[in-house]
C-alpha atoms as a PDB file:
ATOM      1  CA  MET A   1      -0.039  -0.024  -0.273  1.00  0.00           C
ATOM      2  CA  THR A   2       1.541   3.608  -1.366  1.00  0.00           C
ATOM      3  CA  LEU A   3       0.985   6.874  -0.290  1.00  0.00           C
ATOM      4  CA  GLN A   4       3.969   8.247  -2.081  1.00  0.00           C
ATOM      5  CA  GLY A   5       3.449  11.967  -2.807  1.00  0.00           C
ATOM      6  CA  MET A   6       0.493  12.412  -0.794  1.00  0.00           C
ATOM      7  CA  THR A   7      -0.327  14.586   2.426  1.00  0.00           C
ATOM      8  CA  VAL A   8      -1.992  13.230   5.140  1.00  0.00           C
ATOM      9  CA  LEU A   9      -3.870  15.076   7.686  1.00  0.00           C
ATOM     10  CA  VAL A  10      -4.146  12.281  11.088  1.00  0.00           C
ATOM     11  CA  VAL A  11      -5.696  14.262  14.099  1.00  0.00           C
ATOM     12  CA  GLY A  12      -5.634  12.826  17.403  1.00  0.00           C
ATOM     13  CA  ARG A  13      -3.177  12.975  20.639  1.00  0.00           C
ATOM     14  CA  GLY A  14      -0.007  11.905  19.347  1.00  0.00           C
ATOM     15  CA  GLY A  15       0.356   8.664  21.422  1.00  0.00           C
ATOM     16  CA  GLY A  16      -1.010   5.229  20.614  1.00  0.00           C
ATOM     17  CA  ILE A  17      -3.305   4.794  17.651  1.00  0.00           C
ATOM     18  CA  ALA A  18      -2.594   7.868  15.970  1.00  0.00           C
ATOM     19  CA  ARG A  19       0.981   7.927  16.342  1.00  0.00           C
ATOM     20  CA  ALA A  20       0.584   4.392  14.786  1.00  0.00           C
ATOM     21  CA  VAL A  21      -1.423   5.545  11.793  1.00  0.00           C
ATOM     22  CA  THR A  22       1.035   8.598  11.467  1.00  0.00           C
ATOM     23  CA  LEU A  23       3.940   6.850  11.443  1.00  0.00           C
ATOM     24  CA  ALA A  24       2.255   4.350   8.719  1.00  0.00           C
ATOM     25  CA  ALA A  25       1.056   6.726   6.795  1.00  0.00           C
ATOM     26  CA  ARG A  26       4.745   8.150   6.474  1.00  0.00           C
ATOM     27  CA  ASP A  27       6.422   4.984   6.266  1.00  0.00           C
ATOM     28  CA  ALA A  28       3.676   4.476   3.036  1.00  0.00           C
ATOM     29  CA  GLY A  29       5.429   7.374   1.215  1.00  0.00           C
ATOM     30  CA  ALA A  30       2.855  10.331   2.645  1.00  0.00           C
ATOM     31  CA  GLN A  31       3.890  13.492   3.835  1.00  0.00           C
ATOM     32  CA  VAL A  32       1.969  13.622   7.143  1.00  0.00           C
ATOM     33  CA  VAL A  33       0.418  16.347   9.046  1.00  0.00           C
ATOM     34  CA  ALA A  34      -0.114  15.325  13.079  1.00  0.00           C
ATOM     35  CA  ALA A  35      -3.014  18.304  14.411  1.00  0.00           C
ATOM     36  CA  GLY A  36      -4.017  18.053  17.967  1.00  0.00           C
ATOM     37  CA  ARG A  37      -4.602  20.408  20.661  1.00  0.00           C
ATOM     38  CA  SER A  38      -1.590  19.790  22.741  1.00  0.00           C
ATOM     39  CA  GLN A  39       1.349  20.992  20.505  1.00  0.00           C
ATOM     40  CA  ASP A  40       3.852  19.953  23.338  1.00  0.00           C
ATOM     41  CA  LYS A  41       2.835  16.275  23.205  1.00  0.00           C
ATOM     42  CA  LEU A  42       2.848  16.475  19.368  1.00  0.00           C
ATOM     43  CA  LYS A  43       6.356  17.974  19.374  1.00  0.00           C
ATOM     44  CA  ALA A  44       7.528  15.684  21.692  1.00  0.00           C
ATOM     45  CA  ALA A  45       5.791  12.446  19.676  1.00  0.00           C
ATOM     46  CA  TYR A  46       7.539  13.759  16.250  1.00  0.00           C
ATOM     47  CA  ASP A  47      10.285  15.497  17.255  1.00  0.00           C
ATOM     48  CA  GLY A  48      13.257  14.487  14.916  1.00  0.00           C
ATOM     49  CA  GLU A  49      10.659  12.279  12.336  1.00  0.00           C
ATOM     50  CA  PRO A  50      11.627  13.162   8.875  1.00  0.00           C
ATOM     51  CA  GLY A  51       8.149  13.412   7.052  1.00  0.00           C
ATOM     52  CA  ILE A  52       6.082  14.484   9.749  1.00  0.00           C
ATOM     53  CA  THR A  53       4.859  18.275  10.850  1.00  0.00           C
ATOM     54  CA  THR A  54       2.479  19.295  13.520  1.00  0.00           C
ATOM     55  CA  GLU A  55      -0.293  21.896  13.370  1.00  0.00           C
ATOM     56  CA  TYR A  56      -2.915  22.856  15.908  1.00  0.00           C
ATOM     57  CA  VAL A  57      -6.530  22.190  15.814  1.00  0.00           C
ATOM     58  CA  ASP A  58      -9.316  21.589  18.488  1.00  0.00           C
ATOM     59  CA  LEU A  59     -12.329  19.722  17.141  1.00  0.00           C
ATOM     60  CA  THR A  60     -14.403  21.149  19.324  1.00  0.00           C
ATOM     61  CA  ASP A  61     -13.885  24.455  17.919  1.00  0.00           C
ATOM     62  CA  GLU A  62     -15.339  25.020  14.347  1.00  0.00           C
ATOM     63  CA  ALA A  63     -13.154  28.206  14.170  1.00  0.00           C
ATOM     64  CA  SER A  64      -9.937  26.260  14.527  1.00  0.00           C
ATOM     65  CA  ILE A  65     -10.935  23.393  12.381  1.00  0.00           C
ATOM     66  CA  ALA A  66     -11.686  25.962   9.234  1.00  0.00           C
ATOM     67  CA  ALA A  67      -8.162  27.947   9.693  1.00  0.00           C
ATOM     68  CA  LEU A  68      -6.610  24.660   9.930  1.00  0.00           C
ATOM     69  CA  GLY A  69      -7.976  24.290   6.368  1.00  0.00           C
ATOM     70  CA  GLU A  70      -6.751  27.344   5.009  1.00  0.00           C
ATOM     71  CA  ARG A  71      -3.212  26.435   6.370  1.00  0.00           C
ATOM     72  CA  LEU A  72      -3.227  23.128   4.778  1.00  0.00           C
ATOM     73  CA  GLY A  73      -4.293  24.132   1.892  1.00  0.00           C
ATOM     74  CA  THR A  74      -4.780  20.807   0.075  1.00  0.00           C
ATOM     75  CA  VAL A  75      -4.895  16.990   1.257  1.00  0.00           C
ATOM     76  CA  ASP A  76      -5.199  13.795  -0.031  1.00  0.00           C
ATOM     77  CA  HIS A  77      -6.404  11.889   3.004  1.00  0.00           C
ATOM     78  CA  ILE A  78      -7.764  12.643   6.404  1.00  0.00           C
ATOM     79  CA  VAL A  79      -7.891  10.553   9.461  1.00  0.00           C
ATOM     80  CA  SER A  80      -9.882  11.519  12.955  1.00  0.00           C
ATOM     81  CA  THR A  81      -8.656   9.193  15.793  1.00  0.00           C
ATOM     82  CA  ALA A  82      -9.720  11.718  18.313  1.00  0.00           C
ATOM     83  CA  SER A  83     -11.811  10.611  21.098  1.00  0.00           C
ATOM     84  CA  ALA A  84     -13.214  11.423  24.656  1.00  0.00           C
ATOM     85  CA  ARG A  85     -14.894   8.759  26.731  1.00  0.00           C
ATOM     86  CA  ALA A  86     -17.996   9.298  28.932  1.00  0.00           C
ATOM     87  CA  ARG A  87     -18.063   6.104  30.848  1.00  0.00           C
ATOM     88  CA  GLY A  88     -20.547   4.991  33.684  1.00  0.00           C
ATOM     89  CA  LYS A  89     -24.263   3.937  34.520  1.00  0.00           C
ATOM     90  CA  VAL A  90     -27.317   6.242  33.394  1.00  0.00           C
ATOM     91  CA  ALA A  91     -27.635   7.202  36.956  1.00  0.00           C
ATOM     92  CA  ASP A  92     -23.768   8.442  37.248  1.00  0.00           C
ATOM     93  CA  LEU A  93     -23.317   9.831  33.791  1.00  0.00           C
ATOM     94  CA  ASP A  94     -22.585  13.625  33.388  1.00  0.00           C
ATOM     95  CA  ARG A  95     -23.831  15.515  30.886  1.00  0.00           C
ATOM     96  CA  ASP A  96     -21.048  17.257  30.083  1.00  0.00           C
ATOM     97  CA  ALA A  97     -18.903  14.380  29.644  1.00  0.00           C
ATOM     98  CA  VAL A  98     -21.427  12.819  27.602  1.00  0.00           C
ATOM     99  CA  ARG A  99     -21.423  15.909  25.442  1.00  0.00           C
ATOM    100  CA  ALA A 100     -17.768  16.223  25.404  1.00  0.00           C
ATOM    101  CA  SER A 101     -17.674  12.532  23.596  1.00  0.00           C
ATOM    102  CA  PHE A 102     -19.974  13.080  21.342  1.00  0.00           C
ATOM    103  CA  ASP A 103     -18.616  16.732  20.149  1.00  0.00           C
ATOM    104  CA  THR A 104     -15.247  15.264  19.723  1.00  0.00           C
ATOM    105  CA  LYS A 105     -15.689  12.156  18.319  1.00  0.00           C
ATOM    106  CA  VAL A 106     -18.838  12.850  15.868  1.00  0.00           C
ATOM    107  CA  ILE A 107     -19.521  16.980  15.506  1.00  0.00           C
ATOM    108  CA  GLY A 108     -15.572  17.141  15.392  1.00  0.00           C
ATOM    109  CA  PRO A 109     -15.189  15.032  12.116  1.00  0.00           C
ATOM    110  CA  LEU A 110     -18.756  16.563  10.609  1.00  0.00           C
ATOM    111  CA  MET A 111     -16.869  19.707  10.525  1.00  0.00           C
ATOM    112  CA  LEU A 112     -13.553  18.455   9.303  1.00  0.00           C
ATOM    113  CA  ALA A 113     -15.539  17.253   6.435  1.00  0.00           C
ATOM    114  CA  LYS A 114     -17.571  20.283   6.378  1.00  0.00           C
ATOM    115  CA  HIS A 115     -14.610  22.796   6.155  1.00  0.00           C
ATOM    116  CA  LEU A 116     -11.527  20.338   4.253  1.00  0.00           C
ATOM    117  CA  ALA A 117     -13.901  17.909   1.918  1.00  0.00           C
ATOM    118  CA  PRO A 118     -13.542  20.701  -0.531  1.00  0.00           C
ATOM    119  CA  ARG A 119      -9.589  20.905   0.137  1.00  0.00           C
ATOM    120  CA  ILE A 120      -9.163  16.880  -0.366  1.00  0.00           C
ATOM    121  CA  ASN A 121      -7.611  15.894  -3.970  1.00  0.00           C
ATOM    122  CA  THR A 122      -9.162  13.371  -6.367  1.00  0.00           C
ATOM    123  CA  GLY A 123      -9.080  10.277  -5.334  1.00  0.00           C
ATOM    124  CA  GLY A 124      -8.906  11.016  -1.387  1.00  0.00           C
ATOM    125  CA  SER A 125     -10.740   9.728   1.300  1.00  0.00           C
ATOM    126  CA  LEU A 126     -11.583  10.748   5.148  1.00  0.00           C
ATOM    127  CA  THR A 127     -11.716   8.241   7.985  1.00  0.00           C
ATOM    128  CA  ILE A 128     -13.204   8.814  11.357  1.00  0.00           C
ATOM    129  CA  PHE A 129     -13.234   6.287  14.388  1.00  0.00           C
ATOM    130  CA  SER A 130     -16.268   4.517  15.951  1.00  0.00           C
ATOM    131  CA  GLY A 131     -15.514   1.721  18.501  1.00  0.00           C
ATOM    132  CA  VAL A 132     -16.539  -1.828  19.569  1.00  0.00           C
ATOM    133  CA  ALA A 133     -19.213  -0.433  22.083  1.00  0.00           C
ATOM    134  CA  ALA A 134     -21.389   0.164  19.152  1.00  0.00           C
ATOM    135  CA  ALA A 135     -21.886  -3.717  18.167  1.00  0.00           C
ATOM    136  CA  LYS A 136     -21.157  -5.096  21.715  1.00  0.00           C
ATOM    137  CA  ILE A 137     -23.392  -3.439  23.998  1.00  0.00           C
ATOM    138  CA  ALA A 138     -22.369  -3.707  27.911  1.00  0.00           C
ATOM    139  CA  VAL A 139     -23.780  -1.918  30.980  1.00  0.00           C
ATOM    140  CA  GLY A 140     -21.385   0.954  31.938  1.00  0.00           C
ATOM    141  CA  THR A 141     -20.508   2.067  27.901  1.00  0.00           C
ATOM    142  CA  LEU A 142     -24.217   3.394  27.442  1.00  0.00           C
ATOM    143  CA  ALA A 143     -22.560   7.071  26.285  1.00  0.00           C
ATOM    144  CA  VAL A 144     -19.640   5.245  24.386  1.00  0.00           C
ATOM    145  CA  ALA A 145     -22.330   2.852  22.985  1.00  0.00           C
ATOM    146  CA  ILE A 146     -23.971   5.964  21.437  1.00  0.00           C
ATOM    147  CA  THR A 147     -21.188   7.912  20.149  1.00  0.00           C
ATOM    148  CA  ASN A 148     -19.748   5.043  18.387  1.00  0.00           C
ATOM    149  CA  GLY A 149     -22.984   4.160  16.699  1.00  0.00           C
ATOM    150  CA  ALA A 150     -23.456   7.609  15.600  1.00  0.00           C
ATOM    151  CA  ALA A 151     -20.195   7.962  13.857  1.00  0.00           C
ATOM    152  CA  ASP A 152     -20.834   4.696  12.360  1.00  0.00           C
ATOM    153  CA  VAL A 153     -23.854   6.686  10.788  1.00  0.00           C
ATOM    154  CA  LEU A 154     -21.790   9.544  10.219  1.00  0.00           C
ATOM    155  CA  ALA A 155     -19.497   7.880   7.793  1.00  0.00           C
ATOM    156  CA  ARG A 156     -22.322   6.155   5.885  1.00  0.00           C
ATOM    157  CA  SER A 157     -24.273   9.366   5.385  1.00  0.00           C
ATOM    158  CA  LEU A 158     -20.819  11.332   4.255  1.00  0.00           C
ATOM    159  CA  ALA A 159     -19.886   8.796   1.832  1.00  0.00           C
ATOM    160  CA  LEU A 160     -22.888   8.979  -0.015  1.00  0.00           C
ATOM    161  CA  GLU A 161     -23.140  13.113   0.532  1.00  0.00           C
ATOM    162  CA  LEU A 162     -19.392  13.572  -0.372  1.00  0.00           C
ATOM    163  CA  ALA A 163     -19.038  11.071  -3.195  1.00  0.00           C
ATOM    164  CA  PRO A 164     -16.641  10.702  -4.985  1.00  0.00           C
ATOM    165  CA  ILE A 165     -14.905  11.094  -1.952  1.00  0.00           C
ATOM    166  CA  ARG A 166     -14.623   7.870   0.067  1.00  0.00           C
ATOM    167  CA  VAL A 167     -15.601   8.329   3.639  1.00  0.00           C
ATOM    168  CA  ASN A 168     -15.469   4.874   6.047  1.00  0.00           C
ATOM    169  CA  ALA A 169     -15.195   4.392   9.955  1.00  0.00           C
ATOM    170  CA  VAL A 170     -12.643   2.241  11.445  1.00  0.00           C
ATOM    171  CA  SER A 171     -13.714   0.434  14.734  1.00  0.00           C
ATOM    172  CA  PRO A 172     -11.303  -0.641  17.293  1.00  0.00           C
ATOM    173  CA  GLY A 173     -11.851  -3.132  19.998  1.00  0.00           C
ATOM    174  CA  VAL A 174      -9.530  -3.725  22.580  1.00  0.00           C
ATOM    175  CA  ILE A 175      -6.382  -2.478  21.491  1.00  0.00           C
ATOM    176  CA  ASP A 176      -3.026  -2.287  23.950  1.00  0.00           C
ATOM    177  CA  THR A 177      -2.861   1.619  24.917  1.00  0.00           C
ATOM    178  CA  GLY A 178      -1.868   3.536  27.073  1.00  0.00           C
ATOM    179  CA  ALA A 179      -6.051   4.099  27.462  1.00  0.00           C
ATOM    180  CA  TRP A 180      -6.162   1.017  29.905  1.00  0.00           C
ATOM    181  CA  ASP A 181      -3.363   2.224  32.431  1.00  0.00           C
ATOM    182  CA  GLY A 182      -6.308   3.656  34.561  1.00  0.00           C
ATOM    183  CA  LEU A 183      -6.939  -0.389  35.539  1.00  0.00           C
ATOM    184  CA  GLY A 184      -3.571  -0.299  37.216  1.00  0.00           C
ATOM    185  CA  ALA A 185      -2.773  -4.054  38.346  1.00  0.00           C
ATOM    186  CA  GLY A 186      -6.129  -5.659  36.762  1.00  0.00           C
ATOM    187  CA  LYS A 187      -4.790  -4.106  33.384  1.00  0.00           C
ATOM    188  CA  ASP A 188      -3.278  -7.576  32.649  1.00  0.00           C
ATOM    189  CA  ASP A 189      -6.094  -9.895  33.927  1.00  0.00           C
ATOM    190  CA  TYR A 190      -8.529  -7.829  31.939  1.00  0.00           C
ATOM    191  CA  PHE A 191      -6.086  -8.512  28.695  1.00  0.00           C
ATOM    192  CA  ARG A 192      -6.101 -12.285  29.440  1.00  0.00           C
ATOM    193  CA  ASP A 193      -9.913 -12.511  30.125  1.00  0.00           C
ATOM    194  CA  ILE A 194     -10.428 -10.936  26.533  1.00  0.00           C
ATOM    195  CA  SER A 195      -7.910 -12.781  24.938  1.00  0.00           C
ATOM    196  CA  SER A 196      -9.529 -16.193  26.291  1.00  0.00           C
ATOM    197  CA  ARG A 197     -13.198 -15.175  25.089  1.00  0.00           C
ATOM    198  CA  ASN A 198     -12.418 -13.541  21.594  1.00  0.00           C
ATOM    199  CA  PRO A 199     -12.320 -15.475  18.614  1.00  0.00           C
ATOM    200  CA  ALA A 200      -9.016 -14.090  17.534  1.00  0.00           C
ATOM    201  CA  ARG A 201      -7.413 -15.095  20.998  1.00  0.00           C
ATOM    202  CA  ARG A 202      -5.257 -12.113  21.533  1.00  0.00           C
ATOM    203  CA  ILE A 203      -5.481  -8.308  22.114  1.00  0.00           C
ATOM    204  CA  GLY A 204      -5.099  -5.770  19.348  1.00  0.00           C
ATOM    205  CA  THR A 205      -2.228  -3.942  18.792  1.00  0.00           C
ATOM    206  CA  VAL A 206      -2.001  -0.482  17.607  1.00  0.00           C
ATOM    207  CA  ASP A 207      -0.106  -1.861  14.183  1.00  0.00           C
ATOM    208  CA  ASP A 208      -3.288  -3.496  13.728  1.00  0.00           C
ATOM    209  CA  VAL A 209      -5.153  -0.569  13.583  1.00  0.00           C
ATOM    210  CA  ALA A 210      -3.054   1.480  11.513  1.00  0.00           C
ATOM    211  CA  GLN A 211      -2.811  -1.404   8.891  1.00  0.00           C
ATOM    212  CA  THR A 212      -6.655  -0.990   9.096  1.00  0.00           C
ATOM    213  CA  VAL A 213      -6.478   2.901   8.424  1.00  0.00           C
ATOM    214  CA  LEU A 214      -3.773   2.442   5.210  1.00  0.00           C
ATOM    215  CA  PHE A 215      -6.517  -0.002   3.659  1.00  0.00           C
ATOM    216  CA  ALA A 216      -9.199   2.351   4.141  1.00  0.00           C
ATOM    217  CA  MET A 217      -6.953   5.196   2.691  1.00  0.00           C
ATOM    218  CA  THR A 218      -5.579   2.983  -0.448  1.00  0.00           C
ATOM    219  CA  SER A 219      -8.425   0.764  -1.303  1.00  0.00           C
ATOM    220  CA  THR A 220     -10.462   2.802  -3.879  1.00  0.00           C
ATOM    221  CA  PHE A 221     -13.796   0.688  -4.053  1.00  0.00           C
ATOM    222  CA  VAL A 222     -14.164   0.302  -0.169  1.00  0.00           C
ATOM    223  CA  THR A 223     -16.773   3.419   1.099  1.00  0.00           C
ATOM    224  CA  GLY A 224     -19.576   4.042   3.200  1.00  0.00           C
ATOM    225  CA  THR A 225     -18.446   0.923   5.500  1.00  0.00           C
ATOM    226  CA  THR A 226     -17.262   0.262   9.518  1.00  0.00           C
ATOM    227  CA  LEU A 227     -13.913  -1.120   9.083  1.00  0.00           C
ATOM    228  CA  ARG A 228     -14.051  -3.572  12.649  1.00  0.00           C
ATOM    229  CA  VAL A 229     -10.724  -4.476  14.158  1.00  0.00           C
ATOM    230  CA  ASP A 230     -11.826  -6.366  17.178  1.00  0.00           C
ATOM    231  CA  GLY A 231     -10.762  -9.918  16.586  1.00  0.00           C
ATOM    232  CA  GLY A 232     -14.750 -10.730  16.495  1.00  0.00           C
ATOM    233  CA  GLU A 233     -15.263  -9.569  19.958  1.00  0.00           C
ATOM    234  CA  PRO A 234     -18.781  -8.564  19.404  1.00  0.00           C
ATOM    235  CA  LEU A 235     -19.263 -12.309  18.656  1.00  0.00           C
ATOM    236  CA  THR A 236     -18.707 -13.217  22.314  1.00  0.00           C
END
């Protein structure tokens, strides 16, 4: 899969999946623009990495998105990995946290499409992120599930409206990133439990996700779908 001579915008925090996608796109030949709110984190993540520059963008601020588009000019592919999670049972959910989750993962990518789709070159694509919670309902993940479900629908809707620009969603399952560090000593037990039950019999890696994003960018007959990278977890 080659992205030789192309410009790829990756929106995210600069670690985990976002970093893996950025490096994979660069290694496939692209010039990559890594954009996010924390310039310190982005510069620390990519300092000294050839073929990667950093930009500021806040997906909760439409003016910030429009300004990024003006600075970029044109782009070939856009990937939004940004997320904000609101977890808990209904009685414990915080309204602002739910709103932030939806704003970052659904409205933000929608505004990216609004302001940057006209700047996507012929043959280009937009890839947004959903998640396994939309396909596997569990108590305590309601807000995550509805946000991811909305992202799935957003990808299909944009694929139709923005055609021939291709739009897809990537839906990771349990991926080994720092997002699980909050479990502390229970992280290893949780990973073992998931690995014992999902059909793939392992936890996903950031490279699994990055390769799926590369597929979404380079597969010119794939649009309007959700690419699941979850080891078959919804089947369990």
